Every structure is written in structure tokens, then in C-alpha cells.
N, C-alpha and C. Protein backbone atom coordinates (compact mmCIF):
# COMPACT_ATOMS: atom_id res chain seq x y z
N MET A 1 0.84 -1.10 -0.26
CA MET A 1 -0.21 -0.08 0.19
C MET A 1 0.63 1.15 0.20
N ASN A 2 0.57 2.01 -0.64
CA ASN A 2 1.43 3.59 -0.80
C ASN A 2 0.94 4.28 0.00
N LYS A 3 1.57 5.21 0.61
CA LYS A 3 1.06 5.99 1.69
C LYS A 3 0.99 7.34 0.98
N GLN A 4 0.10 8.44 1.16
CA GLN A 4 0.04 9.29 0.41
C GLN A 4 1.07 10.34 1.18
N ARG A 5 1.48 11.02 0.31
CA ARG A 5 2.65 11.90 0.70
C ARG A 5 1.79 13.48 1.18
N ILE A 6 1.97 13.84 2.12
CA ILE A 6 1.26 15.12 2.73
C ILE A 6 2.25 16.16 3.13
N PHE A 7 2.19 17.31 2.74
CA PHE A 7 2.64 18.35 2.90
C PHE A 7 2.00 19.19 4.06
N VAL A 8 2.91 19.50 5.17
CA VAL A 8 1.85 20.41 6.03
C VAL A 8 3.11 21.47 6.24
N ALA A 9 2.46 22.93 5.23
CA ALA A 9 3.24 24.09 5.43
C ALA A 9 2.80 25.05 6.79
N GLY A 10 3.84 25.10 7.48
CA GLY A 10 3.36 25.66 8.55
C GLY A 10 3.25 24.92 9.88
N HIS A 11 4.14 23.76 9.70
CA HIS A 11 4.08 22.83 10.50
C HIS A 11 4.63 23.00 12.26
N ARG A 12 5.29 23.97 12.10
CA ARG A 12 5.72 24.27 13.43
C ARG A 12 4.83 25.24 14.39
N GLY A 13 3.59 25.83 13.44
CA GLY A 13 2.94 26.90 14.43
C GLY A 13 1.56 25.85 15.10
N MET A 14 0.97 26.90 15.87
CA MET A 14 -0.08 26.36 16.61
C MET A 14 -1.02 25.28 15.64
N VAL A 15 -1.54 26.19 14.66
CA VAL A 15 -2.39 25.21 13.77
C VAL A 15 -1.92 23.82 13.28
N GLY A 16 -0.78 24.33 12.52
CA GLY A 16 -0.24 23.18 11.76
C GLY A 16 0.68 22.01 12.39
N SER A 17 1.07 22.19 13.81
CA SER A 17 1.02 21.27 14.76
C SER A 17 0.14 20.15 14.73
N ALA A 18 -0.74 20.88 15.41
CA ALA A 18 -2.03 20.19 15.58
C ALA A 18 -2.48 19.20 14.36
N ILE A 19 -2.31 19.93 12.97
CA ILE A 19 -2.73 18.96 11.97
C ILE A 19 -1.53 17.85 11.94
N VAL A 20 -0.60 18.24 12.28
CA VAL A 20 0.78 17.53 12.01
C VAL A 20 0.27 15.93 12.96
N ARG A 21 0.15 16.53 14.23
CA ARG A 21 -0.05 15.56 15.24
C ARG A 21 -1.32 14.42 14.93
N GLN A 22 -2.55 15.07 14.23
CA GLN A 22 -3.52 14.13 14.04
C GLN A 22 -3.30 13.07 12.91
N LEU A 23 -2.59 13.65 11.81
CA LEU A 23 -2.22 13.10 10.75
C LEU A 23 -0.97 11.97 11.22
N ALA A 24 -0.37 12.07 11.86
CA ALA A 24 0.58 11.15 12.52
C ALA A 24 0.05 9.88 12.87
N GLN A 25 -1.20 10.27 13.79
CA GLN A 25 -1.68 8.93 14.42
C GLN A 25 -2.42 7.86 13.57
N ARG A 26 -2.43 8.58 12.32
CA ARG A 26 -2.99 7.85 11.33
C ARG A 26 -2.48 6.76 10.53
N GLY A 27 -0.93 6.84 10.43
CA GLY A 27 -0.10 5.89 10.12
C GLY A 27 -0.29 5.35 8.79
N ASP A 28 -1.04 6.04 7.99
CA ASP A 28 -1.31 5.69 6.72
C ASP A 28 -0.70 6.44 5.58
N VAL A 29 -0.14 7.86 6.01
CA VAL A 29 0.59 8.94 5.47
C VAL A 29 1.71 9.06 5.84
N GLU A 30 2.39 9.62 4.96
CA GLU A 30 3.85 10.08 5.01
C GLU A 30 3.94 11.57 4.93
N LEU A 31 4.46 12.12 6.22
CA LEU A 31 4.31 13.90 6.32
C LEU A 31 5.44 14.24 5.76
N VAL A 32 5.65 14.99 4.99
CA VAL A 32 6.35 16.09 4.26
C VAL A 32 6.59 17.28 4.95
N LEU A 33 7.73 17.73 5.64
CA LEU A 33 7.75 18.83 6.36
C LEU A 33 8.99 19.47 6.27
N ARG A 34 8.85 21.03 6.09
CA ARG A 34 10.08 21.66 5.92
C ARG A 34 10.05 23.19 6.45
N THR A 35 11.16 23.17 7.18
CA THR A 35 11.22 24.49 8.08
C THR A 35 11.24 25.64 7.24
N ARG A 36 11.24 26.87 7.59
CA ARG A 36 11.65 28.21 6.92
C ARG A 36 12.63 28.21 6.12
N ASP A 37 13.68 27.66 6.96
CA ASP A 37 15.39 27.80 6.53
C ASP A 37 15.33 26.92 5.55
N GLU A 38 14.25 25.61 5.44
CA GLU A 38 14.72 24.72 4.30
C GLU A 38 13.83 24.89 3.05
N LEU A 39 12.86 25.81 3.01
CA LEU A 39 11.80 26.15 1.95
C LEU A 39 11.49 27.38 2.32
N ASP A 40 11.71 28.72 1.89
CA ASP A 40 11.19 29.89 1.69
C ASP A 40 9.90 30.06 1.18
N LEU A 41 8.79 29.84 1.64
CA LEU A 41 7.42 29.88 0.99
C LEU A 41 6.93 31.21 0.51
N LEU A 42 8.04 32.37 0.62
CA LEU A 42 8.00 33.66 -0.23
C LEU A 42 8.41 33.81 -1.72
N ASP A 43 9.63 32.46 -1.64
CA ASP A 43 10.38 32.15 -3.27
C ASP A 43 9.55 31.45 -3.85
N GLY A 44 9.09 31.83 -4.76
CA GLY A 44 8.13 31.19 -5.96
C GLY A 44 8.94 29.92 -6.71
N ARG A 45 10.27 30.45 -6.72
CA ARG A 45 10.86 29.36 -7.53
C ARG A 45 11.07 28.15 -7.05
N ALA A 46 11.64 28.54 -5.47
CA ALA A 46 11.85 27.46 -4.41
C ALA A 46 10.82 26.65 -4.46
N VAL A 47 9.41 27.19 -4.12
CA VAL A 47 8.45 26.42 -4.03
C VAL A 47 8.07 25.55 -5.25
N GLN A 48 8.07 26.05 -6.28
CA GLN A 48 7.89 25.17 -7.58
C GLN A 48 8.94 24.22 -7.43
N ALA A 49 10.22 24.41 -7.50
CA ALA A 49 11.11 23.36 -7.30
C ALA A 49 11.07 22.34 -6.64
N PHE A 50 10.53 22.69 -5.18
CA PHE A 50 10.02 21.64 -4.31
C PHE A 50 9.14 20.90 -4.80
N PHE A 51 7.90 21.38 -5.04
CA PHE A 51 6.64 20.56 -5.47
C PHE A 51 7.18 19.76 -6.81
N ALA A 52 7.85 20.22 -7.56
CA ALA A 52 8.36 19.39 -9.03
C ALA A 52 8.81 18.09 -8.23
N GLY A 53 9.82 18.11 -7.60
CA GLY A 53 10.68 16.73 -7.12
C GLY A 53 9.75 15.88 -6.08
N ALA A 54 8.72 16.43 -5.30
CA ALA A 54 8.38 15.71 -3.88
C ALA A 54 7.68 14.95 -4.08
N GLY A 55 6.73 14.91 -4.95
CA GLY A 55 5.48 13.89 -5.34
C GLY A 55 4.45 13.98 -4.24
N ILE A 56 4.03 14.99 -3.90
CA ILE A 56 3.09 15.53 -2.94
C ILE A 56 1.50 15.14 -3.29
N ASP A 57 0.89 14.59 -2.43
CA ASP A 57 -0.53 14.19 -2.79
C ASP A 57 -1.74 15.11 -2.43
N GLN A 58 -1.12 15.61 -0.90
CA GLN A 58 -2.13 16.55 -0.56
C GLN A 58 -1.27 17.59 0.39
N VAL A 59 -2.12 19.00 0.47
CA VAL A 59 -1.07 19.81 1.21
C VAL A 59 -2.26 20.60 1.83
N TYR A 60 -1.69 20.78 3.22
CA TYR A 60 -2.20 21.73 4.29
C TYR A 60 -1.35 22.69 4.62
N LEU A 61 -2.07 23.85 4.09
CA LEU A 61 -1.68 25.03 4.31
C LEU A 61 -1.88 26.12 5.60
N ALA A 62 -0.76 25.89 6.34
CA ALA A 62 -1.11 26.66 7.91
C ALA A 62 0.07 27.67 8.03
N ALA A 63 0.79 28.02 7.11
CA ALA A 63 2.09 28.69 6.81
C ALA A 63 1.55 30.27 6.95
N ALA A 64 1.99 31.11 7.60
CA ALA A 64 1.73 32.40 7.63
C ALA A 64 2.68 33.25 8.52
N LYS A 65 3.11 34.65 8.16
CA LYS A 65 3.59 35.48 8.52
C LYS A 65 2.53 35.95 10.04
N VAL A 66 2.88 35.90 11.22
CA VAL A 66 2.07 36.21 12.30
C VAL A 66 3.03 37.09 13.11
N GLY A 67 2.11 37.98 13.83
CA GLY A 67 2.77 38.85 14.79
C GLY A 67 1.65 39.47 15.78
N GLY A 68 1.78 40.10 16.92
CA GLY A 68 1.50 40.43 17.92
C GLY A 68 0.52 41.49 17.48
N ILE A 69 -0.32 42.23 18.43
CA ILE A 69 -1.14 43.21 17.96
C ILE A 69 -0.78 44.39 17.29
N VAL A 70 0.58 44.68 17.99
CA VAL A 70 0.89 46.18 17.79
C VAL A 70 1.74 45.77 16.22
N ALA A 71 2.16 44.90 15.95
CA ALA A 71 2.93 44.38 14.88
C ALA A 71 1.90 44.19 13.58
N ASN A 72 0.83 43.75 14.00
CA ASN A 72 -0.44 43.88 12.89
C ASN A 72 -1.04 44.70 12.62
N ASN A 73 -0.61 45.78 13.77
CA ASN A 73 -1.65 47.32 13.48
C ASN A 73 -0.58 48.34 12.98
N THR A 74 0.31 47.99 13.21
CA THR A 74 1.72 48.85 12.49
C THR A 74 2.13 48.51 11.01
N TYR A 75 2.04 47.27 10.77
CA TYR A 75 2.36 46.96 9.50
C TYR A 75 1.50 46.09 8.66
N PRO A 76 -0.06 46.35 8.72
CA PRO A 76 -0.93 45.36 8.18
C PRO A 76 -0.28 44.92 7.00
N ALA A 77 -0.21 46.04 5.83
CA ALA A 77 -0.10 45.72 4.36
C ALA A 77 1.04 44.42 4.34
N ASP A 78 2.14 44.60 5.28
CA ASP A 78 3.23 43.47 5.10
C ASP A 78 2.73 42.13 5.34
N PHE A 79 1.90 42.22 6.37
CA PHE A 79 1.16 40.79 6.44
C PHE A 79 0.50 40.46 5.51
N ILE A 80 -0.32 41.17 5.18
CA ILE A 80 -1.68 40.72 4.27
C ILE A 80 -0.35 40.22 2.90
N TYR A 81 0.07 41.10 2.34
CA TYR A 81 1.15 41.12 1.07
C TYR A 81 1.72 39.58 1.30
N GLU A 82 2.69 39.17 2.33
CA GLU A 82 3.74 38.38 2.62
C GLU A 82 2.54 36.76 2.42
N ASN A 83 1.72 37.00 3.36
CA ASN A 83 0.30 35.93 3.68
C ASN A 83 -0.31 35.32 2.13
N MET A 84 -0.50 36.46 1.46
CA MET A 84 -1.06 36.15 0.08
C MET A 84 0.17 35.60 -0.99
N MET A 85 1.14 35.91 -0.57
CA MET A 85 2.23 35.25 -1.51
C MET A 85 2.98 33.99 -1.04
N ILE A 86 2.43 33.63 0.14
CA ILE A 86 2.79 32.18 0.50
C ILE A 86 1.51 31.33 0.17
N GLU A 87 0.25 31.65 -0.02
CA GLU A 87 -0.79 30.91 -0.63
C GLU A 87 -0.48 30.79 -1.87
N SER A 88 -0.24 32.05 -2.72
CA SER A 88 -0.33 31.93 -4.04
C SER A 88 1.04 31.20 -4.40
N ASN A 89 1.98 31.31 -4.04
CA ASN A 89 3.04 30.40 -4.53
C ASN A 89 2.54 28.99 -3.89
N ILE A 90 1.94 28.46 -3.01
CA ILE A 90 1.67 27.08 -3.35
C ILE A 90 0.55 26.85 -3.84
N ILE A 91 -0.18 27.29 -4.13
CA ILE A 91 -1.32 27.07 -4.97
C ILE A 91 -0.75 26.88 -6.48
N HIS A 92 0.04 27.76 -6.86
CA HIS A 92 0.32 27.58 -8.31
C HIS A 92 1.57 26.50 -8.31
N ALA A 93 2.03 26.18 -7.60
CA ALA A 93 2.88 25.26 -7.64
C ALA A 93 2.28 23.76 -7.37
N ALA A 94 1.32 23.47 -6.53
CA ALA A 94 0.32 22.35 -6.34
C ALA A 94 -0.30 22.11 -7.45
């Protein structure tokens, strides 16, 4: 039986780590995890290259730039832009 290869983007965050815990209990999947240092989701070419060679069957997108209340209020456009770039790069490459 071939295991489904599942990429969880943002696996170190609160939501992503909960997804990983649940999926790991199944035993019938192979989790594919990359840290920010291993794969910069803001780099469209890097994301394309990753997906081209990884054989991913499913994607859970929990990655995001996050900050506290002050950072979110001070730099709202930066947060929106970076989060939309992450989403766009993954959707386009997947």
C-alpha cells in the first residue's frame, strides 16, 4: 500500500502542529515537512522546485506571517502581502 505524501506548510505553528499530530496518528500517510530555512514559501521558484520533485499528494496550508497586536496594526499591508504570496506560491505550484 502506497502512503499518501502530505505536505503541511507551517507545521511548527499552533494550527500546523495540531494537523501534524492528527495525521501522524493515522499511520497511513507520509508527512513531508520543511522548516522556513529549508523552504522559503515566499520564494516562488523554490516552491515550484520543491513541488516538482516531492511527489506531494495533499497539502495543508497553515503557514503564515504572524505577529502581535502592535505588529499587525503597524504593518498590516506587509502581513497581508506576505501571507497572500505564501498562499499564491503554494497554490500555483501544487
